[in-house]
Each structure stands twice: as structure tokens, then as C-alpha cells.
Amino acid sequence: MGSESTVSPILANLAIVAVFASLLVLTFAELPRADALRAFVYDHGQHLMLLVAATATGSSLYYSEVVGFVPCEFCWFQRVIMYPLAVLLLTSAITRSRLGAQFVLVLALIGLGLSIYHYQLQMFPSQGEVCTGSAVPCSGKYINEFGFVTIPFMAGCGFLTILILQVSQWRVGNLYRRWTAAE
């Protein structure tokens, strides 16, 4: 246990807080007097998604390149989804354009599905080894914060947060279109 022992609880808490914060944004954006929140979500929702994707990407690189954790097969699959998502969102931010919701939704849903499957492999390791070609078993847990937060759990939180933020931005955009059409 080296530097990961101080970073892992921070990242575990951050993953959980991000999901709950995005759920609050989704919920409170529906309130009648939440104009400022709706405007913020509409204008900066993809920047928040970029922040989540960049944090997830940086965290996975930290664990593999600094701490020395060797990613298993399903960790690689999740990276294959998260890294391009981060690049697409960064490109969108740099060009000041909106990335189509369908791209974000598809990538986040696939990533979330992979994370859930990987997490259940860790929670129920007796179902047999799925990652037979990998040097690292997919049921192994490098991190186990609070007795349930593992790396696939944190990745799943990242994908879920991005998914919720995209739905929030889509919902706010629909509200704006409906209200401006009624005027």
C-alpha cells in the first residue's frame, strides 16, 4: 500500500458524490424556480461530462502507470469506451460545439453495462473465470473502499454520472424549446 492508499478513498468518495450530485441536478432542474440551474446545465453540461470523463481517464492512468495496477480484460473494455468519450467531449469543448447526445448516450450506456458486468464478476467470483486470456483475473480487487467500491464500481459511477448529466442537458433543452414555442 503506497500512494493509492490515500488517493483511493478520495476517488471512491468522488465517484459516489458525482452520481448523487448529478441526480440532484436532474431533479432540481425540473423545479419552477430553477432557471439559473437550467441555464447552467444547458450551457455547461458537456463541460461537466468532460470533467467526469477526464477524471476517470486520469484515474485509470494513475492506477496503471503510477501505482502499477495491471488492468484486466474488462478494465480495458471500459477504457476503450471512456477514453474516446473524454476525447470527444474535449474536442466539443475546444471547438465550442455540442456533441450529439446520441453519441454520449450510446458510449455511456455501453460503458455502464460493461462496468456493471465487471463489478458483478468481482462480487460473485465463484461463477467461473471469464477473463481467461488475461494475466489479471477480472474478479480481482485492487481497490475495495468501504467494502464495496472497486475500480469497476468507480468506472460505473463515471459512466452513470455522464449518462445522468446528458439526460439532464437533453431534458433542459426540451424544456427550453417547449417554453419558447409557447410564447
Protein backbone atom coordinates (compact mmCIF):
# COMPACT_ATOMS: atom_id res chain seq x y z
CA MET A 1 0.00 0.00 0.00
CA GLY A 2 1.60 3.17 -1.17
CA SER A 3 0.20 6.31 -2.67
CA GLU A 4 -3.00 4.53 -3.73
CA SER A 5 -3.97 4.21 -0.06
CA THR A 6 -4.50 7.97 0.17
CA VAL A 7 -5.88 8.53 -3.32
CA SER A 8 -8.36 5.64 -3.46
CA PRO A 9 -10.69 6.90 -0.69
CA ILE A 10 -10.76 10.31 -2.35
CA LEU A 11 -11.62 8.84 -5.75
CA ALA A 12 -14.19 6.47 -4.19
CA ASN A 13 -15.94 9.36 -2.44
CA LEU A 14 -15.72 11.49 -5.58
CA ALA A 15 -17.37 8.74 -7.67
CA ILE A 16 -20.27 8.37 -5.25
CA VAL A 17 -20.73 12.12 -4.79
CA ALA A 18 -20.71 12.66 -8.57
CA VAL A 19 -23.61 10.26 -9.06
CA PHE A 20 -25.67 11.83 -6.29
CA ALA A 21 -24.85 15.38 -7.43
CA SER A 22 -25.91 14.58 -10.98
CA LEU A 23 -29.16 13.06 -9.68
CA LEU A 24 -29.80 16.25 -7.72
CA VAL A 25 -29.15 18.33 -10.84
CA LEU A 26 -31.59 16.19 -12.81
CA THR A 27 -34.21 16.51 -10.08
CA PHE A 28 -33.82 20.20 -9.22
CA ALA A 29 -33.64 21.32 -12.87
CA GLU A 30 -37.33 20.43 -13.08
CA LEU A 31 -38.34 22.88 -10.34
CA PRO A 32 -40.18 26.04 -11.49
CA ARG A 33 -37.66 28.47 -9.98
CA ALA A 34 -34.53 26.68 -11.12
CA ASP A 35 -33.86 28.92 -14.12
CA ALA A 36 -30.21 29.51 -13.16
CA LEU A 37 -29.60 25.78 -12.75
CA ARG A 38 -31.28 25.01 -16.07
CA ALA A 39 -29.19 27.66 -17.82
CA PHE A 40 -26.02 26.28 -16.23
CA VAL A 41 -26.85 22.69 -17.25
CA TYR A 42 -27.77 23.78 -20.77
CA ASP A 43 -24.60 25.87 -21.23
CA HIS A 44 -22.08 23.76 -19.28
CA GLY A 45 -23.48 20.22 -19.11
CA GLN A 46 -20.92 18.87 -21.55
CA HIS A 47 -18.13 20.60 -19.64
CA LEU A 48 -19.26 18.70 -16.54
CA MET A 49 -19.33 15.47 -18.55
CA LEU A 50 -15.80 16.25 -19.76
CA LEU A 51 -14.69 16.78 -16.17
CA VAL A 52 -16.06 13.36 -15.21
CA ALA A 53 -14.58 11.60 -18.26
CA ALA A 54 -11.20 13.31 -17.80
CA THR A 55 -11.14 12.38 -14.11
CA ALA A 56 -12.00 8.76 -14.92
CA THR A 57 -9.36 8.66 -17.65
CA GLY A 58 -6.74 10.25 -15.43
CA SER A 59 -7.61 7.93 -12.55
CA SER A 60 -7.29 4.81 -14.68
CA LEU A 61 -3.94 6.01 -16.00
CA TYR A 62 -2.83 6.84 -12.46
CA TYR A 63 -3.68 3.35 -11.22
CA SER A 64 -1.94 1.60 -14.12
CA GLU A 65 1.02 3.87 -14.81
CA VAL A 66 1.87 5.30 -11.37
CA VAL A 67 0.62 2.70 -8.90
CA GLY A 68 1.36 -0.23 -11.22
CA PHE A 69 -2.01 -1.99 -11.27
CA VAL A 70 -2.22 -4.17 -14.38
CA PRO A 71 -5.67 -3.73 -15.98
CA CYS A 72 -7.72 -6.86 -16.56
CA GLU A 73 -9.60 -7.55 -19.78
CA PHE A 74 -12.83 -5.83 -18.70
CA CYS A 75 -10.88 -2.82 -17.41
CA TRP A 76 -9.51 -2.45 -20.93
CA PHE A 77 -13.01 -2.69 -22.40
CA GLN A 78 -14.16 0.11 -20.10
CA ARG A 79 -11.14 2.20 -21.08
CA VAL A 80 -11.95 1.65 -24.76
CA ILE A 81 -15.25 3.41 -24.07
CA MET A 82 -14.16 6.10 -21.58
CA TYR A 83 -11.05 7.37 -23.37
CA PRO A 84 -12.79 8.21 -26.68
CA LEU A 85 -15.66 9.73 -24.71
CA ALA A 86 -13.17 12.03 -22.99
CA VAL A 87 -11.55 12.93 -26.32
CA LEU A 88 -14.91 13.62 -27.99
CA LEU A 89 -16.05 15.81 -25.09
CA LEU A 90 -12.71 17.65 -25.08
CA THR A 91 -12.99 18.26 -28.82
CA SER A 92 -16.50 19.54 -28.30
CA ALA A 93 -15.31 21.92 -25.58
CA ILE A 94 -12.38 23.20 -27.65
CA THR A 95 -14.48 23.77 -30.76
CA ARG A 96 -17.33 25.22 -28.68
CA SER A 97 -19.81 22.91 -30.31
CA ARG A 98 -22.27 20.43 -28.87
CA LEU A 99 -21.53 16.77 -29.12
CA GLY A 100 -24.66 14.92 -30.20
CA ALA A 101 -26.50 13.39 -27.28
CA GLN A 102 -26.82 10.10 -29.12
CA PHE A 103 -23.03 9.63 -29.10
CA VAL A 104 -22.71 10.35 -25.41
CA LEU A 105 -25.71 8.20 -24.51
CA VAL A 106 -24.56 5.18 -26.53
CA LEU A 107 -20.99 5.28 -25.20
CA ALA A 108 -22.10 5.89 -21.60
CA LEU A 109 -24.69 3.08 -21.75
CA ILE A 110 -22.21 0.59 -23.18
CA GLY A 111 -19.60 1.62 -20.61
CA LEU A 112 -22.12 1.37 -17.77
CA GLY A 113 -23.15 -2.10 -18.93
CA LEU A 114 -19.52 -3.24 -19.02
CA SER A 115 -18.89 -1.76 -15.57
CA ILE A 116 -21.93 -3.45 -14.07
CA TYR A 117 -20.95 -6.80 -15.56
CA HIS A 118 -17.35 -6.40 -14.37
CA TYR A 119 -18.48 -5.37 -10.90
CA GLN A 120 -20.72 -8.40 -10.55
CA LEU A 121 -17.76 -10.59 -11.58
CA GLN A 122 -15.93 -9.17 -8.58
CA MET A 123 -18.86 -9.55 -6.22
CA PHE A 124 -19.58 -13.15 -7.27
CA PRO A 125 -16.19 -14.63 -8.24
CA SER A 126 -17.44 -18.24 -7.98
CA GLN A 127 -19.21 -18.01 -11.35
CA GLY A 128 -16.03 -19.01 -13.13
CA GLU A 129 -13.27 -17.05 -14.75
CA VAL A 130 -14.43 -15.04 -17.73
CA CYS A 131 -11.11 -13.32 -18.40
CA THR A 132 -9.19 -16.46 -19.27
CA GLY A 133 -6.85 -14.79 -21.77
CA SER A 134 -5.81 -12.09 -19.32
CA ALA A 135 -2.87 -12.27 -16.93
CA VAL A 136 -5.02 -10.50 -14.36
CA PRO A 137 -8.34 -12.04 -13.24
CA CYS A 138 -11.40 -9.83 -13.72
CA SER A 139 -12.66 -10.91 -10.31
CA GLY A 140 -9.61 -9.43 -8.55
CA LYS A 141 -9.94 -6.28 -6.48
CA TYR A 142 -7.02 -3.88 -6.35
CA ILE A 143 -9.25 -1.38 -4.55
CA ASN A 144 -12.04 -2.16 -2.09
CA GLU A 145 -13.03 1.05 -0.35
CA PHE A 146 -15.88 0.95 2.17
CA GLY A 147 -16.27 -2.76 1.43
CA PHE A 148 -17.94 -2.21 -1.97
CA VAL A 149 -16.21 0.49 -4.03
CA THR A 150 -13.87 -1.14 -6.54
CA ILE A 151 -12.34 0.18 -9.75
CA PRO A 152 -15.25 -1.08 -11.93
CA PHE A 153 -17.68 0.46 -9.43
CA MET A 154 -15.93 3.82 -9.80
CA ALA A 155 -15.91 3.47 -13.60
CA GLY A 156 -19.62 2.66 -13.48
CA CYS A 157 -20.21 5.77 -11.38
CA GLY A 158 -18.39 7.81 -14.02
CA PHE A 159 -20.48 6.38 -16.85
CA LEU A 160 -23.69 6.77 -14.84
CA THR A 161 -22.85 10.38 -13.96
CA ILE A 162 -22.18 11.21 -17.62
CA LEU A 163 -25.41 9.49 -18.58
CA ILE A 164 -27.44 11.43 -15.99
CA LEU A 165 -25.81 14.73 -16.99
CA GLN A 166 -26.58 14.06 -20.65
CA VAL A 167 -30.21 13.26 -19.82
CA SER A 168 -30.34 16.45 -17.71
CA GLN A 169 -28.98 18.53 -20.57
CA TRP A 170 -31.38 16.90 -23.01
CA ARG A 171 -34.30 17.46 -20.63
CA VAL A 172 -33.39 21.12 -20.06
CA GLY A 173 -33.09 21.66 -23.82
CA ASN A 174 -36.56 20.17 -24.31
CA LEU A 175 -37.98 22.42 -21.58
CA TYR A 176 -36.44 25.49 -23.24
CA ARG A 177 -37.85 24.52 -26.65
CA ARG A 178 -41.30 23.89 -25.17
CA TRP A 179 -41.34 27.17 -23.26
CA THR A 180 -40.11 29.27 -26.19
CA ALA A 181 -42.69 27.63 -28.50
CA ALA A 182 -45.47 28.51 -26.03
CA GLU A 183 -44.53 32.21 -26.01
